[in-house]
C-alpha atoms as a PDB file:
ATOM      1  CA  MET A   1      36.758  22.910 -12.184  1.00  0.00           C
ATOM      2  CA  LYS A   2      33.309  24.147 -13.283  1.00  0.00           C
ATOM      3  CA  PRO A   3      34.030  23.719 -17.033  1.00  0.00           C
ATOM      4  CA  LEU A   4      35.229  20.160 -16.378  1.00  0.00           C
ATOM      5  CA  GLN A   5      32.111  19.444 -14.337  1.00  0.00           C
ATOM      6  CA  LYS A   6      29.941  20.847 -17.116  1.00  0.00           C
ATOM      7  CA  PHE A   7      31.753  18.710 -19.709  1.00  0.00           C
ATOM      8  CA  ALA A   8      31.391  15.566 -17.562  1.00  0.00           C
ATOM      9  CA  THR A   9      27.709  16.262 -16.975  1.00  0.00           C
ATOM     10  CA  GLY A  10      27.115  16.817 -20.688  1.00  0.00           C
ATOM     11  CA  LEU A  11      29.005  13.654 -21.611  1.00  0.00           C
ATOM     12  CA  ALA A  12      27.164  11.596 -18.989  1.00  0.00           C
ATOM     13  CA  ASP A  13      23.824  12.959 -20.195  1.00  0.00           C
ATOM     14  CA  LEU A  14      24.675  12.285 -23.857  1.00  0.00           C
ATOM     15  CA  LEU A  15      25.670   8.680 -23.158  1.00  0.00           C
ATOM     16  CA  PHE A  16      22.546   8.232 -21.023  1.00  0.00           C
ATOM     17  CA  TRP A  17      20.319   9.427 -23.876  1.00  0.00           C
ATOM     18  CA  ILE A  18      22.092   7.170 -26.354  1.00  0.00           C
ATOM     19  CA  ALA A  19      21.460   4.261 -23.979  1.00  0.00           C
ATOM     20  CA  LEU A  20      17.786   5.224 -23.717  1.00  0.00           C
ATOM     21  CA  GLY A  21      17.599   5.315 -27.510  1.00  0.00           C
ATOM     22  CA  ALA A  22      19.208   1.883 -27.698  1.00  0.00           C
ATOM     23  CA  GLY A  23      16.656   0.592 -25.199  1.00  0.00           C
ATOM     24  CA  ALA A  24      13.794   1.986 -27.258  1.00  0.00           C
ATOM     25  CA  LEU A  25      15.244   0.499 -30.445  1.00  0.00           C
ATOM     26  CA  MET A  26      15.672  -2.852 -28.709  1.00  0.00           C
ATOM     27  CA  MET A  27      12.027  -2.903 -27.607  1.00  0.00           C
ATOM     28  CA  THR A  28      10.858  -1.929 -31.089  1.00  0.00           C
ATOM     29  CA  HIS A  29      13.109  -4.453 -32.830  1.00  0.00           C
ATOM     30  CA  VAL A  30      12.035  -7.332 -30.587  1.00  0.00           C
ATOM     31  CA  THR A  31       8.360  -6.364 -30.886  1.00  0.00           C
ATOM     32  CA  VAL A  32       8.550  -6.270 -34.681  1.00  0.00           C
ATOM     33  CA  ASP A  33      10.368  -9.630 -34.634  1.00  0.00           C
ATOM     34  CA  VAL A  34       7.650 -11.213 -32.461  1.00  0.00           C
ATOM     35  CA  ILE A  35       4.881  -9.816 -34.676  1.00  0.00           C
ATOM     36  CA  SER A  36       6.696 -10.928 -37.822  1.00  0.00           C
ATOM     37  CA  ARG A  37       7.311 -14.389 -36.418  1.00  0.00           C
ATOM     38  CA  THR A  38       3.774 -14.802 -35.067  1.00  0.00           C
ATOM     39  CA  LEU A  39       1.713 -13.343 -37.892  1.00  0.00           C
ATOM     40  CA  PHE A  40       3.858 -14.096 -40.921  1.00  0.00           C
ATOM     41  CA  ASN A  41       5.915 -17.059 -39.703  1.00  0.00           C
ATOM     42  CA  HIS A  42       9.007 -15.111 -40.733  1.00  0.00           C
ATOM     43  CA  PRO A  43      11.269 -13.894 -37.886  1.00  0.00           C
ATOM     44  CA  LEU A  44      13.722 -11.068 -38.499  1.00  0.00           C
ATOM     45  CA  PRO A  45      17.182 -12.546 -39.049  1.00  0.00           C
ATOM     46  CA  GLY A  46      19.726 -11.763 -36.334  1.00  0.00           C
ATOM     47  CA  THR A  47      17.342 -10.229 -33.793  1.00  0.00           C
ATOM     48  CA  GLY A  48      18.840 -12.151 -30.868  1.00  0.00           C
ATOM     49  CA  GLU A  49      22.407 -11.395 -31.906  1.00  0.00           C
ATOM     50  CA  ILE A  50      21.730  -7.698 -32.536  1.00  0.00           C
ATOM     51  CA  THR A  51      19.908  -7.419 -29.215  1.00  0.00           C
ATOM     52  CA  ALA A  52      22.707  -9.116 -27.288  1.00  0.00           C
ATOM     53  CA  SER A  53      25.647  -7.468 -29.023  1.00  0.00           C
ATOM     54  CA  TYR A  54      24.387  -3.942 -29.717  1.00  0.00           C
ATOM     55  CA  TYR A  55      21.373  -2.880 -27.696  1.00  0.00           C
ATOM     56  CA  MET A  56      22.142  -4.606 -24.399  1.00  0.00           C
ATOM     57  CA  ILE A  57      25.775  -3.491 -24.387  1.00  0.00           C
ATOM     58  CA  ALA A  58      24.743   0.130 -24.952  1.00  0.00           C
ATOM     59  CA  VAL A  59      22.014  -0.039 -22.309  1.00  0.00           C
ATOM     60  CA  ALA A  60      24.342  -1.612 -19.730  1.00  0.00           C
ATOM     61  CA  PHE A  61      27.570   0.358 -20.196  1.00  0.00           C
ATOM     62  CA  LEU A  62      26.828   3.801 -21.623  1.00  0.00           C
ATOM     63  CA  PRO A  63      24.884   5.114 -18.583  1.00  0.00           C
ATOM     64  CA  LEU A  64      27.685   4.307 -16.097  1.00  0.00           C
ATOM     65  CA  ALA A  65      28.881   7.927 -15.865  1.00  0.00           C
ATOM     66  CA  TRP A  66      25.323   9.229 -15.489  1.00  0.00           C
ATOM     67  CA  VAL A  67      24.634   6.808 -12.640  1.00  0.00           C
ATOM     68  CA  SER A  68      27.992   7.575 -10.989  1.00  0.00           C
ATOM     69  CA  TRP A  69      27.513  11.343 -11.244  1.00  0.00           C
ATOM     70  CA  ARG A  70      24.238  11.061  -9.341  1.00  0.00           C
ATOM     71  CA  ASP A  71      25.398   8.443  -6.794  1.00  0.00           C
ATOM     72  CA  GLN A  72      22.694   6.084  -7.986  1.00  0.00           C
ATOM     73  CA  HIS A  73      24.736   2.863  -7.883  1.00  0.00           C
ATOM     74  CA  VAL A  74      23.399   0.151  -5.637  1.00  0.00           C
ATOM     75  CA  THR A  75      25.090   0.388  -2.258  1.00  0.00           C
ATOM     76  CA  ALA A  76      25.016  -1.558   0.962  1.00  0.00           C
ATOM     77  CA  ASP A  77      26.019   0.866   3.676  1.00  0.00           C
ATOM     78  CA  LEU A  78      24.887  -1.109   6.714  1.00  0.00           C
ATOM     79  CA  PHE A  79      28.246  -0.682   8.464  1.00  0.00           C
ATOM     80  CA  VAL A  80      29.213   2.695   7.036  1.00  0.00           C
ATOM     81  CA  SER A  81      25.986   4.288   8.250  1.00  0.00           C
ATOM     82  CA  GLN A  82      26.981   3.364  11.808  1.00  0.00           C
ATOM     83  CA  MET A  83      30.356   5.152  11.558  1.00  0.00           C
ATOM     84  CA  GLY A  84      31.101   8.707  12.535  1.00  0.00           C
ATOM     85  CA  PRO A  85      31.276  11.454   9.900  1.00  0.00           C
ATOM     86  CA  ARG A  86      35.099  11.481   9.709  1.00  0.00           C
ATOM     87  CA  LEU A  87      35.317   7.730   9.245  1.00  0.00           C
ATOM     88  CA  GLN A  88      32.512   7.872   6.661  1.00  0.00           C
ATOM     89  CA  LYS A  89      34.522  10.480   4.734  1.00  0.00           C
ATOM     90  CA  LEU A  90      37.611   8.266   4.864  1.00  0.00           C
ATOM     91  CA  VAL A  91      35.650   5.252   3.632  1.00  0.00           C
ATOM     92  CA  ALA A  92      34.180   7.388   0.816  1.00  0.00           C
ATOM     93  CA  LEU A  93      37.679   8.514  -0.234  1.00  0.00           C
ATOM     94  CA  LEU A  94      39.031   4.968  -0.177  1.00  0.00           C
ATOM     95  CA  THR A  95      35.994   3.750  -2.110  1.00  0.00           C
ATOM     96  CA  ASP A  96      36.506   6.482  -4.708  1.00  0.00           C
ATOM     97  CA  LEU A  97      40.184   5.560  -5.129  1.00  0.00           C
ATOM     98  CA  LEU A  98      39.409   1.859  -5.389  1.00  0.00           C
ATOM     99  CA  ALA A  99      36.630   2.498  -7.926  1.00  0.00           C
ATOM    100  CA  ILE A 100      38.919   4.718 -10.028  1.00  0.00           C
ATOM    101  CA  ALA A 101      41.630   2.045 -10.013  1.00  0.00           C
ATOM    102  CA  TYR A 102      39.202  -0.754 -10.860  1.00  0.00           C
ATOM    103  CA  VAL A 103      37.314   1.082 -13.597  1.00  0.00           C
ATOM    104  CA  SER A 104      40.582   2.401 -15.087  1.00  0.00           C
ATOM    105  CA  THR A 105      41.815  -1.187 -15.353  1.00  0.00           C
ATOM    106  CA  PHE A 106      38.492  -2.145 -16.946  1.00  0.00           C
ATOM    107  CA  VAL A 107      38.856   0.692 -19.473  1.00  0.00           C
ATOM    108  CA  TRP A 108      42.422  -0.288 -20.327  1.00  0.00           C
ATOM    109  CA  GLN A 109      41.581  -3.957 -20.844  1.00  0.00           C
ATOM    110  CA  THR A 110      38.415  -3.297 -22.846  1.00  0.00           C
ATOM    111  CA  TRP A 111      40.325  -0.742 -24.947  1.00  0.00           C
ATOM    112  CA  LEU A 112      42.939  -3.363 -25.806  1.00  0.00           C
ATOM    113  CA  SER A 113      40.218  -5.887 -26.610  1.00  0.00           C
ATOM    114  CA  ALA A 114      38.298  -3.400 -28.786  1.00  0.00           C
ATOM    115  CA  LEU A 115      41.470  -2.506 -30.643  1.00  0.00           C
ATOM    116  CA  SER A 116      42.234  -6.175 -31.288  1.00  0.00           C
ATOM    117  CA  LYS A 117      38.675  -6.986 -32.402  1.00  0.00           C
ATOM    118  CA  THR A 118      38.603  -3.920 -34.671  1.00  0.00           C
ATOM    119  CA  ARG A 119      41.855  -4.905 -36.368  1.00  0.00           C
ATOM    120  CA  ARG A 120      40.478  -8.412 -36.941  1.00  0.00           C
ATOM    121  CA  GLY A 121      37.110  -7.091 -38.133  1.00  0.00           C
ATOM    122  CA  GLU A 122      35.208  -9.316 -35.711  1.00  0.00           C
ATOM    123  CA  VAL A 123      31.878 -10.597 -37.030  1.00  0.00           C
ATOM    124  CA  TRP A 124      29.254 -13.091 -35.909  1.00  0.00           C
ATOM    125  CA  GLU A 125      27.650 -15.424 -38.368  1.00  0.00           C
ATOM    126  CA  ILE A 126      23.905 -15.015 -38.478  1.00  0.00           C
ATOM    127  CA  PHE A 127      21.206 -16.443 -40.665  1.00  0.00           C
ATOM    128  CA  GLY A 128      21.788 -14.994 -44.111  1.00  0.00           C
ATOM    129  CA  GLY A 129      25.172 -13.380 -43.524  1.00  0.00           C
ATOM    130  CA  TYR A 130      27.541 -11.829 -41.029  1.00  0.00           C
ATOM    131  CA  LEU A 131      27.005  -9.226 -38.316  1.00  0.00           C
ATOM    132  CA  PRO A 132      29.953  -6.903 -37.565  1.00  0.00           C
ATOM    133  CA  ILE A 133      30.496  -6.993 -33.807  1.00  0.00           C
ATOM    134  CA  TRP A 134      33.723  -5.006 -33.478  1.00  0.00           C
ATOM    135  CA  PRO A 135      31.977  -1.576 -33.287  1.00  0.00           C
ATOM    136  CA  THR A 136      30.165  -2.530 -30.077  1.00  0.00           C
ATOM    137  CA  ARG A 137      33.441  -3.483 -28.416  1.00  0.00           C
ATOM    138  CA  TRP A 138      34.166   0.271 -28.169  1.00  0.00           C
ATOM    139  CA  LEU A 139      31.080   0.950 -26.040  1.00  0.00           C
ATOM    140  CA  LEU A 140      32.725  -0.584 -22.965  1.00  0.00           C
ATOM    141  CA  PRO A 141      35.853   1.611 -22.867  1.00  0.00           C
ATOM    142  CA  ILE A 142      33.767   4.675 -23.813  1.00  0.00           C
ATOM    143  CA  GLY A 143      31.275   4.124 -20.999  1.00  0.00           C
ATOM    144  CA  GLY A 144      34.055   3.205 -18.579  1.00  0.00           C
ATOM    145  CA  ALA A 145      36.233   6.203 -19.471  1.00  0.00           C
ATOM    146  CA  ALA A 146      33.301   8.545 -18.914  1.00  0.00           C
ATOM    147  CA  MET A 147      32.748   6.898 -15.534  1.00  0.00           C
ATOM    148  CA  VAL A 148      36.428   7.352 -14.597  1.00  0.00           C
ATOM    149  CA  LEU A 149      36.201  11.034 -15.534  1.00  0.00           C
ATOM    150  CA  VAL A 150      33.161  11.460 -13.294  1.00  0.00           C
ATOM    151  CA  LEU A 151      34.782   9.545 -10.427  1.00  0.00           C
ATOM    152  CA  VAL A 152      37.961  11.653 -10.624  1.00  0.00           C
ATOM    153  CA  ILE A 153      35.966  14.896 -10.628  1.00  0.00           C
ATOM    154  CA  LYS A 154      33.904  13.714  -7.663  1.00  0.00           C
ATOM    155  CA  LEU A 155      37.083  12.723  -5.801  1.00  0.00           C
ATOM    156  CA  LEU A 156      38.622  16.148  -6.447  1.00  0.00           C
ATOM    157  CA  LEU A 157      35.432  17.836  -5.278  1.00  0.00           C
ATOM    158  CA  ARG A 158      35.382  15.686  -2.148  1.00  0.00           C
ATOM    159  CA  LEU A 159      39.045  16.472  -1.403  1.00  0.00           C
ATOM    160  CA  SER A 160      38.516  20.197  -1.933  1.00  0.00           C
ATOM    161  CA  GLY A 161      35.472  20.224   0.333  1.00  0.00           C
ATOM    162  CA  GLY A 162      33.126  21.023  -2.551  1.00  0.00           C
ATOM    163  CA  ASP A 163      29.703  19.545  -3.002  1.00  0.00           C
ATOM    164  CA  THR A 164      29.363  16.519  -5.210  1.00  0.00           C
ATOM    165  CA  PRO A 165      26.225  16.436  -7.363  1.00  0.00           C
ATOM    166  CA  ARG A 166      24.454  13.930  -5.166  1.00  0.00           C
ATOM    167  CA  GLN A 167      20.799  13.283  -5.638  1.00  0.00           C
ATOM    168  CA  ALA A 168      18.509  12.232  -2.843  1.00  0.00           C
ATOM    169  CA  PRO A 169      17.634   8.520  -3.039  1.00  0.00           C
ATOM    170  CA  ASP A 170      13.921   9.278  -3.323  1.00  0.00           C
ATOM    171  CA  ALA A 171      14.332  11.930  -5.996  1.00  0.00           C
ATOM    172  CA  ALA A 172      13.438  11.232  -9.595  1.00  0.00           C
ATOM    173  CA  PRO A 173      16.279  11.229 -12.136  1.00  0.00           C
ATOM    174  CA  ASP A 174      17.030  14.387 -14.093  1.00  0.00           C
ATOM    175  CA  LEU A 175      14.821  13.637 -17.052  1.00  0.00           C
ATOM    176  CA  PRO A 176      13.286  16.437 -19.056  1.00  0.00           C
ATOM    177  CA  SER A 177       9.750  17.341 -18.095  1.00  0.00           C
ATOM    178  CA  SER A 178       6.907  16.979 -20.541  1.00  0.00           C
ATOM    179  CA  GLU A 179       5.738  20.539 -19.909  1.00  0.00           C
ATOM    180  CA  GLY A 180       5.263  22.552 -23.049  1.00  0.00           C
ATOM    181  CA  VAL A 181       4.987  19.477 -25.244  1.00  0.00           C
END
């Protein structure tokens, strides 16, 4: 189980860093577009479309496994917190199963959609040409599949009585320190 956990952690971290890179690129792209539009009266063609179809999709869907691995999803446990430990464990198991079923369905449907859009060569028309959109359709099933992997591992750990890699709500995320830089 340890090698699978290590693989899932590495995959979640990789997708998280790609999402961070996409976020940084998005901020840079939009900033350059605003400067270009304001100072030179010449906006960058396709900035809105690229932001919406590439950067935002990566930022929203690629970190799903990272967030799931660390139990950082938004939760409302008003009622669950009032339950006893055994009932809380049962609710956690049922929640895990439901999440696996839901996200697996999401992965399947987005996979089919990505396959269809890839075969068609989906593009959006932008000022001055066309923007290929089909590559970004694959980010949803990739992010979702990584999340399913993490959820299955966490369920197996929970069933075997092992510790899940839970992070305290007040703790900072596992980002590299700036020491030695």
